[in-house]
Amino acid sequence: MQRIIKCSLPLRTLLIIMSLFIPIKAATQEYAIGADLSFLKSAEDQGFVFRENGSPKDGLTIFRDHGYNWIRLRLFHTPARLPNNLGYTIALARKAKEMGFKFLLDYHYSDTWADPGKQYTPAAWEKMSHRELTEAVYEYTRSTMAAFREAGAMPDMVQPGNEVINGMMWPDGKLPENWDNFADLLKSGIRGVYASCPEGVTPPKIMIHIDQGGNIEKTRYFFDKIKSYNIDYDVIGQSYYPWWHGTLLELRANMIFMAETYRKPVILVEVAYCSEPAEYKNRAAPFAESPDGQKEFLDEVNRIVLATPGNMGAGIFWWEPATYGGRSARDYFDEAGNVLPVITVFDKFTRK
């Protein structure tokens, strides 16, 4: 006689337990080795010369020769001082695409920098109602995407908003108080991307980007809310700067959490470390702030991404390695334009 065992656990609890034993479907996408090179053209236009082994060399060529296969470019609506308007961005994207790079477009939906501490609405949209703003986001996204397509520089991936953990286009889309508005704005941007693609053309993948690389709880809160609004996207983007976003162990834990919980590819779309003392002058650093320490940092972070369950660690982008003028310690180049050792991190992964 077969015994029937009754289970007192609620069905929802049983389903959760069962899901823990379902393997994550392995992702098969190409691993993205990328950099945000939004200032590179501006530097070269002003006469700055990038160099490798002391010899002048085209900036994009340096990255391509060391295994980089993606470029990320930001787009501001109507920038007053910064170069990243539509024409500038199309020109750089077209050159990168012609050289074989894939292209991630980063909509800031602002006239200037948008990040967790500031999300300024473009001046042209400041007096709009919420309904008018959602329509403006849709039309602007659709028309600018069409311009990229017509120029032969169609993005392969798009992020509608930059580091949007606190929303975008404040005050209308500010979080946590205006989740309904933020969801409308985000959906409008995504609809604009899709609307720019003719019938039969595969649209770019959609990335949603926040800045919580080492923080599971904030990541859970944000992406659970995104799910509750039925917002469709393809890739999770995270920023990871260790002085802001936690230890390498915390990064590892969050990569595992995201892969197992949301089952979507994860890209560390902003990563950086300094080649000279800057962020750790008065405290112990995880790596030396030196050219060799910068290289060691990227190598370790890359290994964590590669080890993400189910191959869900889909890539890593440096921010921003090729600036000029207000040079940062996070650059890949010294003041004379010579490329630093960090450029060689991916050689062993990409060369035969």
Protein backbone atom coordinates (compact mmCIF):
# COMPACT_ATOMS: atom_id res chain seq x y z
CA MET A 1 0.00 0.00 0.00
CA GLN A 2 1.43 3.37 -1.08
CA ARG A 3 1.54 5.94 1.66
CA ILE A 4 0.29 9.43 0.87
CA ILE A 5 2.31 12.09 2.65
CA LYS A 6 0.53 15.34 3.29
CA CYS A 7 2.62 18.50 3.23
CA SER A 8 1.69 21.38 5.47
CA LEU A 9 3.84 23.92 3.60
CA PRO A 10 1.95 26.58 1.61
CA LEU A 11 2.13 26.17 -2.17
CA ARG A 12 4.05 29.45 -2.61
CA THR A 13 6.72 28.27 -0.16
CA LEU A 14 7.02 24.95 -1.97
CA LEU A 15 7.47 26.70 -5.31
CA ILE A 16 10.22 28.90 -3.90
CA ILE A 17 12.05 25.88 -2.48
CA MET A 18 11.71 24.00 -5.76
CA SER A 19 13.06 26.97 -7.72
CA LEU A 20 16.29 26.82 -5.74
CA PHE A 21 17.06 23.46 -7.34
CA ILE A 22 16.30 24.52 -10.93
CA PRO A 23 19.61 25.27 -12.66
CA ILE A 24 20.08 28.67 -14.20
CA LYS A 25 19.97 28.43 -17.98
CA ALA A 26 23.46 29.21 -19.21
CA ALA A 27 23.70 32.47 -21.12
CA THR A 28 25.36 32.31 -24.52
CA GLN A 29 25.88 36.00 -25.32
CA GLU A 30 29.30 37.31 -26.31
CA TYR A 31 31.35 38.51 -23.36
CA ALA A 32 31.51 42.31 -23.49
CA ILE A 33 34.94 43.85 -22.97
CA GLY A 34 34.17 47.52 -23.09
CA ALA A 35 34.97 51.07 -22.14
CA ASP A 36 33.06 54.31 -21.96
CA LEU A 37 35.03 56.36 -24.46
CA SER A 38 32.71 59.35 -24.62
CA PHE A 39 35.57 61.87 -24.33
CA LEU A 40 38.04 60.12 -26.67
CA LYS A 41 37.06 61.96 -29.86
CA SER A 42 37.08 65.29 -28.02
CA ALA A 43 40.63 64.63 -26.79
CA GLU A 44 41.87 63.75 -30.27
CA ASP A 45 40.01 66.69 -31.83
CA GLN A 46 41.91 68.99 -29.46
CA GLY A 47 45.23 67.53 -30.52
CA PHE A 48 45.88 65.08 -27.71
CA VAL A 49 47.92 62.11 -28.93
CA PHE A 50 47.39 58.66 -27.45
CA ARG A 51 50.50 56.48 -27.45
CA GLU A 52 51.52 52.86 -26.98
CA ASN A 53 55.15 51.98 -26.30
CA GLY A 54 55.98 55.62 -26.93
CA SER A 55 54.54 55.68 -30.46
CA PRO A 56 51.43 57.67 -31.49
CA LYS A 57 48.41 55.46 -32.09
CA ASP A 58 44.72 55.99 -32.79
CA GLY A 59 42.82 55.76 -29.51
CA LEU A 60 40.17 53.29 -30.63
CA THR A 61 42.84 51.12 -32.24
CA ILE A 62 44.67 50.78 -28.92
CA PHE A 63 41.53 49.36 -27.31
CA ARG A 64 40.68 47.09 -30.23
CA ASP A 65 44.22 45.69 -30.27
CA HIS A 66 43.84 44.62 -26.64
CA GLY A 67 40.60 42.68 -26.98
CA TYR A 68 38.01 45.41 -26.42
CA ASN A 69 34.87 44.68 -28.44
CA TRP A 70 32.34 47.21 -27.08
CA ILE A 71 32.24 50.99 -26.81
CA ARG A 72 29.83 52.87 -24.54
CA LEU A 73 28.86 56.45 -25.34
CA ARG A 74 26.66 58.85 -23.38
CA LEU A 75 24.21 61.22 -25.01
CA PHE A 76 23.08 64.52 -23.48
CA HIS A 77 19.97 66.29 -24.78
CA THR A 78 21.37 69.82 -25.31
CA PRO A 79 24.75 70.10 -23.58
CA ALA A 80 26.06 73.62 -23.02
CA ARG A 81 29.72 72.78 -22.30
CA LEU A 82 30.29 69.06 -22.77
CA PRO A 83 30.76 67.64 -26.29
CA ASN A 84 28.34 64.71 -26.06
CA ASN A 85 25.52 65.93 -28.29
CA LEU A 86 23.87 63.90 -31.05
CA GLY A 87 26.22 64.84 -33.89
CA TYR A 88 29.37 64.22 -31.88
CA THR A 89 28.10 60.89 -30.55
CA ILE A 90 27.01 59.66 -33.99
CA ALA A 91 30.44 60.45 -35.45
CA LEU A 92 32.29 58.51 -32.76
CA ALA A 93 29.81 55.63 -32.83
CA ARG A 94 30.07 55.33 -36.61
CA LYS A 95 33.87 55.12 -36.48
CA ALA A 96 33.71 52.50 -33.72
CA LYS A 97 31.15 50.41 -35.62
CA GLU A 98 33.28 50.56 -38.78
CA MET A 99 36.18 49.19 -36.72
CA GLY A 100 34.10 46.25 -35.53
CA PHE A 101 33.05 47.46 -32.07
CA LYS A 102 29.58 46.90 -30.72
CA PHE A 103 27.92 49.98 -29.30
CA LEU A 104 26.06 50.67 -26.04
CA LEU A 105 24.20 53.99 -26.02
CA ASP A 106 23.72 55.67 -22.64
CA TYR A 107 20.80 58.13 -22.58
CA HIS A 108 21.27 60.58 -19.72
CA TYR A 109 17.96 62.33 -20.50
CA SER A 110 19.59 65.53 -19.29
CA ASP A 111 21.69 68.40 -20.62
CA THR A 112 24.50 67.41 -18.29
CA TRP A 113 25.64 64.58 -15.99
CA ALA A 114 22.88 62.37 -14.57
CA ASP A 115 23.74 60.11 -11.65
CA PRO A 116 22.30 59.07 -8.25
CA GLY A 117 22.91 62.53 -6.80
CA LYS A 118 21.44 64.57 -9.65
CA GLN A 119 19.00 63.91 -12.47
CA TYR A 120 18.31 67.28 -14.08
CA THR A 121 15.45 67.40 -16.58
CA PRO A 122 16.54 68.88 -19.94
CA ALA A 123 15.80 72.60 -20.08
CA ALA A 124 13.54 72.07 -23.09
CA TRP A 125 11.29 69.80 -21.01
CA GLU A 126 11.30 71.55 -17.62
CA LYS A 127 7.80 73.05 -17.82
CA MET A 128 6.08 69.96 -19.19
CA SER A 129 3.35 68.02 -17.42
CA HIS A 130 4.01 64.37 -16.67
CA ARG A 131 2.01 63.30 -19.71
CA GLU A 132 3.87 65.73 -21.95
CA LEU A 133 7.20 64.57 -20.52
CA THR A 134 6.50 60.90 -21.20
CA GLU A 135 5.62 61.76 -24.81
CA ALA A 136 8.77 63.89 -25.15
CA VAL A 137 10.93 61.02 -23.89
CA TYR A 138 9.33 58.64 -26.37
CA GLU A 139 9.67 60.96 -29.37
CA TYR A 140 13.21 62.07 -28.51
CA THR A 141 14.34 58.47 -28.06
CA ARG A 142 12.66 57.32 -31.27
CA SER A 143 14.05 60.17 -33.38
CA THR A 144 17.62 60.02 -32.05
CA MET A 145 17.70 56.25 -32.45
CA ALA A 146 16.52 56.69 -36.04
CA ALA A 147 19.37 59.16 -36.58
CA PHE A 148 21.91 56.60 -35.37
CA ARG A 149 20.37 53.96 -37.63
CA GLU A 150 20.40 56.19 -40.69
CA ALA A 151 24.05 57.07 -40.04
CA GLY A 152 25.08 53.42 -39.94
CA ALA A 153 25.74 53.56 -36.22
CA MET A 154 22.78 51.69 -34.75
CA PRO A 155 23.35 50.81 -31.07
CA ASP A 156 23.49 47.14 -30.16
CA MET A 157 22.28 47.93 -26.64
CA VAL A 158 20.58 50.94 -25.07
CA GLN A 159 20.26 52.09 -21.48
CA PRO A 160 17.34 54.52 -21.03
CA GLY A 161 18.75 56.48 -18.11
CA ASN A 162 22.05 56.52 -16.26
CA GLU A 163 22.44 55.10 -12.71
CA VAL A 164 18.70 55.43 -12.08
CA ILE A 165 18.59 54.04 -8.52
CA ASN A 166 16.99 57.36 -7.48
CA GLY A 167 14.94 57.80 -10.64
CA MET A 168 15.47 60.29 -13.44
CA MET A 169 14.21 63.64 -14.71
CA TRP A 170 13.62 65.08 -11.26
CA PRO A 171 11.26 66.03 -9.76
CA ASP A 172 8.77 64.20 -11.99
CA GLY A 173 10.56 60.84 -11.92
CA LYS A 174 12.32 61.12 -8.56
CA LEU A 175 12.47 58.01 -6.38
CA PRO A 176 11.21 56.72 -4.05
CA GLU A 177 8.29 59.14 -4.01
CA ASN A 178 7.33 58.95 -7.70
CA TRP A 179 7.62 55.32 -8.75
CA ASP A 180 4.53 55.51 -10.98
CA ASN A 181 5.98 58.46 -12.89
CA PHE A 182 9.44 56.90 -13.12
CA ALA A 183 7.98 53.67 -14.52
CA ASP A 184 6.07 55.67 -17.15
CA LEU A 185 9.22 57.53 -18.20
CA LEU A 186 11.29 54.34 -18.37
CA LYS A 187 8.64 52.55 -20.42
CA SER A 188 8.45 55.56 -22.78
CA GLY A 189 12.19 55.39 -23.38
CA ILE A 190 12.01 51.66 -24.09
CA ARG A 191 9.05 52.14 -26.44
CA GLY A 192 11.03 54.80 -28.28
CA VAL A 193 13.91 52.39 -28.83
CA TYR A 194 11.60 49.74 -30.25
CA ALA A 195 9.70 52.24 -32.39
CA SER A 196 12.91 53.27 -34.15
CA CYS A 197 13.39 49.81 -35.64
CA PRO A 198 11.74 48.98 -38.98
CA GLU A 199 9.64 45.84 -39.15
CA GLY A 200 11.79 42.74 -39.24
CA VAL A 201 14.81 44.45 -37.67
CA THR A 202 15.96 43.05 -34.33
CA PRO A 203 15.90 45.92 -31.80
CA PRO A 204 18.83 46.69 -29.51
CA LYS A 205 18.89 45.02 -26.13
CA ILE A 206 17.66 47.12 -23.22
CA MET A 207 19.85 47.60 -20.15
CA ILE A 208 18.62 49.07 -16.87
CA HIS A 209 21.56 50.60 -15.01
CA ILE A 210 21.95 51.32 -11.29
CA ASP A 211 24.99 51.91 -9.08
CA GLN A 212 24.82 49.19 -6.43
CA GLY A 213 27.49 46.67 -7.45
CA GLY A 214 28.14 45.45 -3.92
CA ASN A 215 24.73 46.02 -2.32
CA ILE A 216 22.24 43.15 -2.46
CA GLU A 217 19.47 44.86 -0.51
CA LYS A 218 19.30 47.99 -2.66
CA THR A 219 19.60 45.90 -5.80
CA ARG A 220 16.74 43.67 -4.62
CA TYR A 221 14.53 46.64 -3.74
CA PHE A 222 15.04 48.32 -7.12
CA PHE A 223 14.67 45.34 -9.44
CA ASP A 224 11.76 43.89 -7.48
CA LYS A 225 9.98 47.21 -8.01
CA ILE A 226 10.88 47.13 -11.71
CA LYS A 227 9.34 43.67 -11.91
CA SER A 228 6.19 44.83 -10.13
CA TYR A 229 5.66 47.43 -12.88
CA ASN A 230 6.10 44.79 -15.62
CA ILE A 231 9.00 46.69 -17.18
CA ASP A 232 10.62 44.52 -19.82
CA TYR A 233 14.41 44.63 -20.18
CA ASP A 234 17.25 42.35 -21.22
CA VAL A 235 20.36 43.17 -19.19
CA ILE A 236 21.13 44.40 -15.67
CA GLY A 237 23.79 47.11 -15.59
CA GLN A 238 25.69 47.88 -12.40
CA SER A 239 28.37 50.39 -11.43
CA TYR A 240 31.18 49.19 -9.18
CA TYR A 241 33.70 51.60 -7.69
CA PRO A 242 35.02 49.90 -4.54
CA TRP A 243 35.36 53.11 -2.48
CA TRP A 244 31.61 53.65 -2.95
CA HIS A 245 30.11 50.24 -3.67
CA GLY A 246 31.65 47.68 -1.35
CA THR A 247 34.28 44.98 -1.16
CA LEU A 248 35.09 42.39 -3.79
CA LEU A 249 33.33 39.79 -1.67
CA GLU A 250 30.20 41.96 -1.58
CA LEU A 251 30.42 42.35 -5.35
CA ARG A 252 30.73 38.57 -5.74
CA ALA A 253 27.72 37.98 -3.49
CA ASN A 254 25.59 40.44 -5.45
CA MET A 255 26.59 38.96 -8.81
CA ILE A 256 25.44 35.54 -7.55
CA PHE A 257 22.24 37.05 -6.13
CA MET A 258 21.33 38.82 -9.38
CA ALA A 259 22.04 35.77 -11.52
CA GLU A 260 19.98 33.45 -9.34
CA THR A 261 17.12 35.88 -8.65
CA TYR A 262 16.51 37.71 -11.94
CA ARG A 263 18.09 35.25 -14.38
CA LYS A 264 19.26 37.97 -16.71
CA PRO A 265 22.77 38.78 -17.93
CA VAL A 266 24.63 41.24 -15.71
CA ILE A 267 27.23 43.71 -16.99
CA LEU A 268 29.42 45.84 -14.75
CA VAL A 269 28.95 48.81 -17.03
CA GLU A 270 31.03 51.23 -14.93
CA VAL A 271 34.18 50.05 -13.18
CA ALA A 272 37.32 52.02 -12.31
CA TYR A 273 40.36 52.21 -10.06
CA CYS A 274 43.09 54.81 -9.72
CA SER A 275 46.65 54.62 -11.00
CA GLU A 276 47.86 57.18 -8.44
CA PRO A 277 46.79 58.07 -4.87
CA ALA A 278 43.30 59.55 -4.93
CA GLU A 279 40.50 57.64 -3.17
CA TYR A 280 42.55 55.90 -0.47
CA LYS A 281 44.91 58.59 0.79
CA ASN A 282 43.73 58.24 4.39
CA ARG A 283 42.67 54.60 4.60
CA ALA A 284 43.86 51.15 3.62
CA ALA A 285 43.26 50.30 -0.02
CA PRO A 286 42.33 46.88 -1.46
CA PHE A 287 45.01 47.41 -4.12
CA ALA A 288 47.84 49.86 -4.45
CA GLU A 289 46.74 53.05 -6.17
CA SER A 290 49.41 52.65 -8.82
CA PRO A 291 49.57 51.51 -12.46
CA ASP A 292 50.18 47.92 -11.36
CA GLY A 293 47.45 48.08 -8.69
CA GLN A 294 44.97 49.42 -11.24
CA LYS A 295 45.72 46.45 -13.50
CA GLU A 296 45.42 43.97 -10.60
CA PHE A 297 42.04 45.45 -9.61
CA LEU A 298 40.55 45.04 -13.10
CA ASP A 299 41.88 41.51 -13.37
CA GLU A 300 40.26 40.49 -10.06
CA VAL A 301 36.92 42.14 -10.86
CA ASN A 302 36.87 40.47 -14.27
CA ARG A 303 37.42 37.06 -12.69
CA ILE A 304 34.43 37.64 -10.40
CA VAL A 305 32.24 38.53 -13.37
CA LEU A 306 33.44 35.49 -15.32
CA ALA A 307 32.60 33.22 -12.35
CA THR A 308 28.97 34.37 -12.10
CA PRO A 309 26.60 31.35 -12.11
CA GLY A 310 25.08 30.30 -15.42
CA ASN A 311 27.48 32.52 -17.40
CA MET A 312 25.26 35.43 -16.39
CA GLY A 313 28.29 37.66 -15.88
CA ALA A 314 28.12 39.17 -19.36
CA GLY A 315 30.90 41.72 -19.38
CA ILE A 316 32.73 44.67 -17.91
CA PHE A 317 33.19 48.32 -19.00
CA TRP A 318 35.75 50.81 -17.67
CA TRP A 319 34.70 54.37 -16.89
CA GLU A 320 36.31 56.49 -18.35
CA PRO A 321 39.78 55.60 -19.63
CA ALA A 322 40.53 58.21 -22.29
CA THR A 323 39.89 61.77 -21.12
CA TYR A 324 41.81 64.97 -21.73
CA GLY A 325 42.14 68.31 -19.99
CA GLY A 326 40.65 67.48 -16.60
CA ARG A 327 42.56 64.20 -16.55
CA SER A 328 41.46 61.67 -13.92
CA ALA A 329 43.58 59.20 -11.98
CA ARG A 330 41.17 56.57 -13.32
CA ASP A 331 42.40 57.02 -16.90
CA TYR A 332 44.29 54.36 -18.85
CA PHE A 333 46.80 56.96 -20.02
CA ASP A 334 49.39 59.14 -18.32
CA GLU A 335 49.68 62.89 -18.93
CA ALA A 336 51.91 62.30 -21.98
CA GLY A 337 49.32 59.97 -23.52
CA ASN A 338 51.21 56.74 -22.86
CA VAL A 339 48.90 53.80 -22.18
CA LEU A 340 49.24 52.14 -18.76
CA PRO A 341 49.61 48.42 -17.95
CA VAL A 342 45.86 48.02 -17.28
CA ILE A 343 45.28 47.90 -21.06
CA THR A 344 46.78 44.38 -21.14
CA VAL A 345 44.31 42.70 -18.75
CA PHE A 346 42.25 41.07 -21.49
CA ASP A 347 45.17 40.06 -23.72
CA LYS A 348 45.35 36.61 -22.14
CA PHE A 349 41.62 36.07 -22.67
CA THR A 350 41.41 37.22 -26.30
CA ARG A 351 44.71 36.37 -28.00
CA LYS A 352 45.33 32.98 -29.56
